[in-house]
Protein backbone atom coordinates (compact mmCIF):
# COMPACT_ATOMS: atom_id res chain seq x y z
CA MET A 1 112.09 75.44 112.04
CA GLY A 2 114.02 78.02 114.18
CA THR A 3 116.29 78.89 111.25
CA LYS A 4 113.29 79.28 108.73
CA GLN A 5 111.53 81.44 111.23
CA SER A 6 114.61 83.87 111.61
CA ALA A 7 114.87 84.01 107.78
CA PHE A 8 111.41 85.01 107.49
CA SER A 9 111.73 87.77 109.88
CA GLN A 10 114.42 89.36 108.01
CA ILE A 11 112.02 89.62 104.88
CA MET A 12 108.66 90.41 106.56
CA GLU A 13 106.58 92.57 104.37
CA LYS A 14 104.17 95.08 105.60
CA ILE A 15 100.64 94.86 103.93
CA VAL A 16 97.69 97.32 104.79
CA VAL A 17 94.35 95.58 104.83
CA ASP A 18 91.11 97.29 104.23
CA THR A 19 87.55 96.68 105.68
CA ASN A 20 86.27 94.22 103.27
CA ILE A 21 89.31 91.90 103.72
CA VAL A 22 88.90 91.95 107.54
CA PHE A 23 84.95 91.52 107.06
CA SER A 24 85.51 88.52 104.94
CA ALA A 25 88.04 87.04 107.54
CA ILE A 26 85.59 87.55 110.39
CA LEU A 27 82.93 85.86 108.32
CA ASN A 28 85.01 82.73 107.73
CA THR A 29 88.38 82.28 109.63
CA ASN A 30 88.89 79.17 107.60
CA SER A 31 88.84 80.79 104.22
CA LYS A 32 91.83 81.72 102.18
CA ILE A 33 91.59 85.34 103.66
CA GLY A 34 91.28 84.06 107.03
CA ASP A 35 94.24 81.69 106.51
CA MET A 36 96.46 84.89 105.19
CA LEU A 37 95.58 86.92 108.24
CA LEU A 38 95.93 84.33 110.91
CA ASN A 39 98.84 82.19 109.54
CA SER A 40 101.42 84.57 107.70
CA GLU A 41 103.19 85.34 110.98
CA GLY A 42 106.95 85.84 110.36
CA ILE A 43 106.13 86.40 106.62
CA PHE A 44 103.71 89.27 106.50
CA GLU A 45 102.75 92.14 108.99
CA PHE A 46 99.30 93.43 108.56
CA TYR A 47 98.47 96.90 109.29
CA SER A 48 95.33 98.96 109.14
CA ALA A 49 93.85 102.38 110.01
CA SER A 50 92.35 102.46 113.42
CA TYR A 51 89.10 103.63 111.50
CA LEU A 52 88.95 100.02 110.56
CA LYS A 53 87.75 99.13 114.10
CA ASP A 54 84.90 101.58 113.78
CA GLU A 55 83.94 100.18 110.59
CA ILE A 56 83.57 96.74 112.09
CA ALA A 57 81.71 97.92 115.16
CA ASN A 58 79.33 99.74 112.86
CA HIS A 59 78.63 96.49 111.03
CA HIS A 60 78.41 94.09 113.82
CA SER A 61 74.61 93.41 113.21
CA LYS A 62 75.29 92.89 109.50
CA LEU A 63 77.91 90.41 110.44
CA HIS A 64 75.71 88.60 112.83
CA VAL A 65 72.92 88.38 110.03
CA ILE A 66 75.27 87.34 107.09
CA SER A 67 77.13 84.73 109.17
CA ASN A 68 74.38 83.37 111.40
CA LEU A 69 76.69 83.28 114.16
CA ILE A 70 75.80 84.21 117.68
CA PRO A 71 77.42 87.71 118.68
CA GLU A 72 79.77 85.89 121.04
CA LYS A 73 81.33 83.94 118.18
CA ILE A 74 81.56 87.00 116.01
CA GLU A 75 83.41 88.76 118.92
CA VAL A 76 85.82 85.71 119.08
CA SER A 77 86.39 85.94 115.55
CA ILE A 78 87.06 89.76 115.61
CA ASN A 79 89.31 89.61 118.37
CA GLU A 80 91.31 86.81 116.77
CA ILE A 81 91.67 88.71 113.44
CA PHE A 82 92.47 92.01 115.20
CA LYS A 83 95.31 90.30 117.04
CA HIS A 84 97.20 89.92 113.79
CA ILE A 85 96.82 93.52 112.72
CA HIS A 86 98.88 96.44 113.88
CA PHE A 87 96.39 99.45 114.08
CA ILE A 88 97.73 102.93 113.21
CA ALA A 89 96.12 106.28 114.24
CA GLU A 90 95.09 108.19 111.32
CA ASP A 91 96.50 111.41 112.89
CA LEU A 92 100.08 109.88 112.50
CA ILE A 93 99.80 110.11 108.83
CA PRO A 94 101.19 113.39 107.50
CA PHE A 95 98.62 115.75 105.71
CA LYS A 96 100.43 115.77 102.23
CA ILE A 97 99.86 111.97 102.12
CA TRP A 98 96.23 112.52 103.10
CA HIS A 99 95.87 114.96 100.18
CA HIS A 100 97.58 112.69 97.64
CA ALA A 101 95.38 109.70 98.87
CA ALA A 102 92.23 111.90 98.37
CA GLN A 103 93.26 112.57 94.79
CA ILE A 104 93.56 108.77 94.21
CA VAL A 105 90.20 107.79 95.71
CA ARG A 106 88.24 111.03 95.02
CA ASP A 107 86.31 109.59 92.00
CA VAL A 108 86.32 105.94 93.29
CA ASP A 109 85.43 105.58 97.10
CA MET A 110 86.37 108.21 99.72
CA ASP A 111 85.58 105.67 102.33
CA ASP A 112 88.97 104.04 101.48
CA ILE A 113 91.06 107.03 101.78
CA ALA A 114 92.49 105.91 105.14
CA PHE A 115 93.73 102.68 103.75
CA VAL A 116 95.37 104.21 100.61
CA ALA A 117 96.85 106.82 102.83
CA LEU A 118 98.30 104.35 105.27
CA SER A 119 99.51 102.28 102.41
CA GLU A 120 101.38 105.43 100.98
CA HIS A 121 102.76 106.31 104.50
CA LEU A 122 104.13 102.80 105.20
CA ASN A 123 105.18 102.52 101.45
CA CYS A 124 103.60 99.11 101.19
CA LYS A 125 101.00 97.05 99.39
CA LEU A 126 97.06 97.57 100.03
CA TRP A 127 95.41 94.35 100.21
CA THR A 128 91.78 94.74 99.07
CA GLY A 129 89.03 92.53 97.57
CA ASP A 130 87.17 95.51 96.26
CA LYS A 131 87.47 95.26 92.59
CA LYS A 132 85.90 98.61 92.07
CA LEU A 133 88.53 100.34 94.24
CA ARG A 134 91.39 98.45 92.81
CA ARG A 135 90.39 99.27 89.27
CA GLY A 136 89.80 102.75 90.11
CA ILE A 137 93.16 103.42 92.03
CA ILE A 138 95.18 101.56 89.51
CA GLU A 139 93.74 103.93 86.79
CA LYS A 140 94.94 106.85 88.89
CA GLY A 141 98.42 105.34 88.99
CA PHE A 142 98.52 103.60 92.31
CA GLN A 143 100.31 100.42 91.81
CA LYS A 144 100.61 99.18 95.27
CA SER A 145 97.18 97.14 95.48
CA ILE A 146 97.19 93.45 95.64
CA THR A 147 94.67 90.78 95.44
CA THR A 148 94.21 87.85 97.91
CA GLU A 149 95.25 85.43 94.98
CA GLU A 150 98.50 87.44 94.56
CA LEU A 151 99.13 87.75 98.24
CA PHE A 152 98.62 83.86 98.53
CA GLU A 153 101.15 83.22 95.67
CA TRP A 154 103.64 85.70 97.28
CA ARG A 155 103.41 83.83 100.65
CA GLU A 156 104.05 80.66 99.03
CA GLU A 157 107.23 82.06 97.15
CA LEU A 158 108.49 83.61 100.30
CA GLU A 159 107.90 80.38 102.26
CA LYS A 160 110.28 78.46 99.81
CA GLU A 161 113.04 80.73 100.45
């Protein structure tokens, strides 16, 4: 196992996660999305904009209603998921990248600008389950988005190496 783990650490891929991915993982840590976030250590490094923490805090009551979990259990899920994400302060992203990201998301969903900007800044894939966002940014020439299924298949390939 030690050899396999060290081989993975040499090929770890950065992935930016957006709010809907984290929201889904919090609702069900045993789902495919939860599995990806919680069990990809040494394969993927997950990143997100610090803004995500505010988004989750703002939707805490919605998480409670949808999941039927008590607030304490939701907090446990949030903390567990957050342990697997590197949060990057938005002010570390250069203005020119923000400007470019605004052009990409302007007609799609400006709420996702931080995730597109971070993906551009880190030069990595943006993992999103938002089909409208994905379709819209691809139409604008942003080819760095990845779906859950694509990420799952990629992980399987990397695990075989």
